Amino acid sequence: GITVTEVKGFGRQKGHTELYRGAEYQVDFLPKLKIECAVDNAAFDAALEAIMSAAATGKVGDGKVFVIGLEQAIRIRTGEIGTDAL
């Protein structure tokens, strides 16, 4: 499974200026997508490669990948634990 969330943020891209009702203002937070994906160790390399190849444009703003260890996963409905819950 995968979760995709529309978020706003800023970083090296900085922002841009916009004009609203004759006034110019700075937009610091830009729209972005946050993708969360939990995979077991066997599928990790393939999932990482898929995300990297799909997201890469070679331009500023391609984003970052943060890899975080997952201690436990539990499917609430069935009570499955670990990789069975993924």
N, C-alpha and C. Protein backbone atom coordinates (compact mmCIF):
# COMPACT_ATOMS: atom_id res chain seq x y z
N GLY A 1 0.81 -1.19 0.00
CA GLY A 1 0.00 0.00 0.00
C GLY A 1 0.85 1.25 0.00
N ILE A 2 0.23 2.32 -0.34
CA ILE A 2 0.91 3.60 -0.43
C ILE A 2 -0.08 4.71 -0.03
N THR A 3 0.43 5.74 0.59
CA THR A 3 -0.37 6.90 0.94
C THR A 3 0.26 8.12 0.29
N VAL A 4 -0.52 8.90 -0.43
CA VAL A 4 -0.05 10.13 -1.06
C VAL A 4 -0.85 11.27 -0.47
N THR A 5 -0.14 12.27 0.08
CA THR A 5 -0.77 13.41 0.73
C THR A 5 -0.33 14.69 0.06
N GLU A 6 -1.27 15.59 -0.21
CA GLU A 6 -0.91 16.91 -0.72
C GLU A 6 -0.52 17.78 0.46
N VAL A 7 0.71 18.30 0.43
CA VAL A 7 1.24 19.11 1.52
C VAL A 7 1.81 20.41 0.96
N LYS A 8 2.23 21.29 1.83
CA LYS A 8 2.93 22.52 1.43
C LYS A 8 4.23 22.61 2.20
N GLY A 9 5.27 23.11 1.56
CA GLY A 9 6.55 23.23 2.23
C GLY A 9 7.47 24.16 1.46
N PHE A 10 8.65 24.38 2.02
CA PHE A 10 9.64 25.18 1.30
C PHE A 10 11.03 24.70 1.66
N GLY A 11 11.96 25.03 0.81
CA GLY A 11 13.35 24.63 1.00
C GLY A 11 14.21 25.41 0.03
N ARG A 12 15.04 24.71 -0.68
CA ARG A 12 15.94 25.38 -1.63
C ARG A 12 15.21 26.00 -2.80
N GLN A 13 14.02 25.54 -3.09
CA GLN A 13 13.24 26.10 -4.19
C GLN A 13 12.85 27.54 -3.90
N LYS A 14 12.92 27.91 -2.66
CA LYS A 14 12.47 29.22 -2.19
C LYS A 14 10.98 29.32 -2.47
N GLY A 15 10.54 30.42 -2.92
CA GLY A 15 9.14 30.61 -3.24
C GLY A 15 9.04 31.44 -4.48
N HIS A 16 7.96 32.15 -4.59
CA HIS A 16 7.79 33.06 -5.71
C HIS A 16 6.85 34.17 -5.28
N THR A 17 6.80 35.20 -6.08
CA THR A 17 5.91 36.31 -5.76
C THR A 17 4.66 36.20 -6.62
N GLU A 18 3.55 36.61 -6.07
CA GLU A 18 2.29 36.64 -6.79
C GLU A 18 1.64 38.00 -6.61
N LEU A 19 0.75 38.31 -7.51
CA LEU A 19 0.04 39.57 -7.47
C LEU A 19 -1.42 39.28 -7.13
N TYR A 20 -1.93 39.92 -6.08
CA TYR A 20 -3.32 39.74 -5.68
C TYR A 20 -3.93 41.10 -5.39
N ARG A 21 -4.94 41.46 -6.14
CA ARG A 21 -5.63 42.75 -5.99
C ARG A 21 -4.65 43.91 -5.99
N GLY A 22 -3.69 43.84 -6.86
CA GLY A 22 -2.74 44.92 -7.03
C GLY A 22 -1.58 44.92 -6.06
N ALA A 23 -1.58 44.00 -5.10
CA ALA A 23 -0.49 43.93 -4.13
C ALA A 23 0.36 42.70 -4.42
N GLU A 24 1.65 42.88 -4.36
CA GLU A 24 2.57 41.78 -4.58
C GLU A 24 2.93 41.16 -3.24
N TYR A 25 2.92 39.84 -3.17
CA TYR A 25 3.30 39.19 -1.93
C TYR A 25 4.12 37.93 -2.21
N GLN A 26 4.88 37.53 -1.23
CA GLN A 26 5.78 36.39 -1.34
C GLN A 26 5.08 35.11 -0.92
N VAL A 27 5.14 34.09 -1.75
CA VAL A 27 4.59 32.78 -1.43
C VAL A 27 5.76 31.88 -1.08
N ASP A 28 5.91 31.56 0.21
CA ASP A 28 7.03 30.73 0.65
C ASP A 28 6.71 29.25 0.58
N PHE A 29 5.50 28.87 0.96
CA PHE A 29 5.12 27.47 0.96
C PHE A 29 4.60 27.08 -0.41
N LEU A 30 5.22 26.07 -1.00
CA LEU A 30 4.82 25.60 -2.31
C LEU A 30 4.11 24.26 -2.18
N PRO A 31 3.15 23.99 -3.07
CA PRO A 31 2.46 22.69 -3.01
C PRO A 31 3.41 21.55 -3.36
N LYS A 32 3.32 20.48 -2.59
CA LYS A 32 4.17 19.31 -2.79
C LYS A 32 3.36 18.06 -2.52
N LEU A 33 3.93 16.91 -2.84
CA LEU A 33 3.31 15.62 -2.52
C LEU A 33 4.19 14.89 -1.53
N LYS A 34 3.57 14.29 -0.55
CA LYS A 34 4.27 13.44 0.41
C LYS A 34 3.81 12.01 0.17
N ILE A 35 4.75 11.14 -0.10
CA ILE A 35 4.44 9.74 -0.37
C ILE A 35 4.97 8.90 0.77
N GLU A 36 4.10 8.11 1.37
CA GLU A 36 4.49 7.21 2.45
C GLU A 36 4.23 5.78 2.00
N CYS A 37 5.24 4.95 2.17
CA CYS A 37 5.15 3.57 1.73
C CYS A 37 5.89 2.69 2.72
N ALA A 38 5.22 1.67 3.24
CA ALA A 38 5.85 0.73 4.17
C ALA A 38 6.05 -0.60 3.43
N VAL A 39 7.28 -1.05 3.36
CA VAL A 39 7.60 -2.30 2.67
C VAL A 39 8.50 -3.15 3.55
N ASP A 40 8.49 -4.45 3.31
CA ASP A 40 9.40 -5.32 4.05
C ASP A 40 10.79 -5.25 3.42
N ASN A 41 11.77 -5.79 4.11
CA ASN A 41 13.16 -5.70 3.65
C ASN A 41 13.36 -6.31 2.27
N ALA A 42 12.64 -7.37 1.94
CA ALA A 42 12.81 -8.03 0.65
C ALA A 42 12.40 -7.12 -0.51
N ALA A 43 11.41 -6.26 -0.30
CA ALA A 43 10.92 -5.39 -1.36
C ALA A 43 11.49 -3.98 -1.31
N PHE A 44 12.35 -3.71 -0.33
CA PHE A 44 12.84 -2.35 -0.10
C PHE A 44 13.57 -1.78 -1.32
N ASP A 45 14.56 -2.50 -1.84
CA ASP A 45 15.35 -1.97 -2.96
C ASP A 45 14.50 -1.69 -4.18
N ALA A 46 13.57 -2.60 -4.50
CA ALA A 46 12.70 -2.40 -5.66
C ALA A 46 11.78 -1.20 -5.46
N ALA A 47 11.24 -1.05 -4.26
CA ALA A 47 10.35 0.08 -3.98
C ALA A 47 11.10 1.40 -4.05
N LEU A 48 12.30 1.44 -3.49
CA LEU A 48 13.11 2.65 -3.53
C LEU A 48 13.46 3.04 -4.96
N GLU A 49 13.84 2.07 -5.76
CA GLU A 49 14.18 2.33 -7.17
C GLU A 49 12.96 2.84 -7.93
N ALA A 50 11.79 2.26 -7.67
CA ALA A 50 10.57 2.70 -8.35
C ALA A 50 10.23 4.14 -8.00
N ILE A 51 10.36 4.50 -6.73
CA ILE A 51 10.06 5.87 -6.30
C ILE A 51 11.06 6.83 -6.92
N MET A 52 12.35 6.48 -6.87
CA MET A 52 13.39 7.37 -7.40
C MET A 52 13.23 7.59 -8.91
N SER A 53 12.95 6.53 -9.65
CA SER A 53 12.84 6.68 -11.10
C SER A 53 11.56 7.43 -11.49
N ALA A 54 10.48 7.24 -10.74
CA ALA A 54 9.23 7.92 -11.07
C ALA A 54 9.28 9.40 -10.71
N ALA A 55 10.01 9.76 -9.66
CA ALA A 55 10.02 11.14 -9.18
C ALA A 55 11.09 12.00 -9.84
N ALA A 56 12.08 11.40 -10.45
CA ALA A 56 13.23 12.16 -10.96
C ALA A 56 12.92 12.88 -12.27
N THR A 57 13.13 14.19 -12.27
CA THR A 57 13.03 14.98 -13.50
C THR A 57 14.37 15.63 -13.82
N GLY A 58 15.28 15.63 -12.83
CA GLY A 58 16.57 16.28 -13.01
C GLY A 58 16.53 17.77 -12.72
N LYS A 59 15.40 18.25 -12.23
CA LYS A 59 15.24 19.67 -11.95
C LYS A 59 15.11 19.90 -10.45
N VAL A 60 15.30 21.16 -10.04
CA VAL A 60 15.11 21.53 -8.65
C VAL A 60 13.68 21.22 -8.26
N GLY A 61 13.50 20.61 -7.10
CA GLY A 61 12.16 20.30 -6.63
C GLY A 61 11.78 18.84 -6.77
N ASP A 62 12.71 18.01 -7.24
CA ASP A 62 12.41 16.58 -7.36
C ASP A 62 12.10 15.96 -6.01
N GLY A 63 12.64 16.53 -4.95
CA GLY A 63 12.31 16.07 -3.62
C GLY A 63 13.41 15.24 -2.97
N LYS A 64 13.04 14.62 -1.88
CA LYS A 64 13.97 13.82 -1.10
C LYS A 64 13.29 12.52 -0.69
N VAL A 65 14.08 11.52 -0.38
CA VAL A 65 13.57 10.27 0.16
C VAL A 65 14.17 10.12 1.55
N PHE A 66 13.30 9.94 2.54
CA PHE A 66 13.74 9.68 3.90
C PHE A 66 13.41 8.22 4.20
N VAL A 67 14.40 7.47 4.63
CA VAL A 67 14.20 6.07 4.97
C VAL A 67 14.20 5.95 6.49
N ILE A 68 13.09 5.43 7.01
CA ILE A 68 12.91 5.32 8.45
C ILE A 68 12.60 3.88 8.78
N GLY A 69 13.27 3.34 9.79
CA GLY A 69 13.01 1.98 10.22
C GLY A 69 11.61 1.86 10.82
N LEU A 70 10.97 0.76 10.54
CA LEU A 70 9.62 0.52 11.02
C LEU A 70 9.68 -0.63 12.02
N GLU A 71 9.41 -0.34 13.28
CA GLU A 71 9.53 -1.36 14.33
C GLU A 71 8.46 -2.42 14.23
N GLN A 72 7.23 -2.02 13.98
CA GLN A 72 6.13 -2.99 13.98
C GLN A 72 5.00 -2.48 13.11
N ALA A 73 4.29 -3.40 12.48
CA ALA A 73 3.09 -3.08 11.72
C ALA A 73 2.00 -4.04 12.16
N ILE A 74 0.82 -3.52 12.41
CA ILE A 74 -0.31 -4.34 12.84
C ILE A 74 -1.54 -3.93 12.03
N ARG A 75 -2.16 -4.90 11.38
CA ARG A 75 -3.41 -4.63 10.67
C ARG A 75 -4.54 -4.74 11.71
N ILE A 76 -5.22 -3.66 11.96
CA ILE A 76 -6.22 -3.61 13.03
C ILE A 76 -7.36 -4.60 12.77
N ARG A 77 -7.85 -4.64 11.54
CA ARG A 77 -9.01 -5.46 11.24
C ARG A 77 -8.79 -6.94 11.52
N THR A 78 -7.62 -7.47 11.12
CA THR A 78 -7.37 -8.92 11.24
C THR A 78 -6.43 -9.30 12.37
N GLY A 79 -5.71 -8.33 12.89
CA GLY A 79 -4.73 -8.62 13.92
C GLY A 79 -3.40 -9.13 13.39
N GLU A 80 -3.22 -9.14 12.07
CA GLU A 80 -1.96 -9.58 11.48
C GLU A 80 -0.82 -8.68 11.95
N ILE A 81 0.35 -9.28 12.13
CA ILE A 81 1.51 -8.56 12.66
C ILE A 81 2.68 -8.73 11.71
N GLY A 82 3.54 -7.70 11.64
CA GLY A 82 4.77 -7.77 10.86
C GLY A 82 4.51 -7.67 9.37
N THR A 83 5.29 -8.44 8.59
CA THR A 83 5.16 -8.36 7.13
C THR A 83 3.79 -8.82 6.64
N ASP A 84 3.11 -9.66 7.39
CA ASP A 84 1.76 -10.08 7.00
C ASP A 84 0.79 -8.91 7.01
N ALA A 85 1.06 -7.92 7.84
CA ALA A 85 0.20 -6.74 7.94
C ALA A 85 0.43 -5.75 6.81
N LEU A 86 1.58 -5.86 6.16
CA LEU A 86 1.87 -4.93 5.08
C LEU A 86 1.14 -5.34 3.83
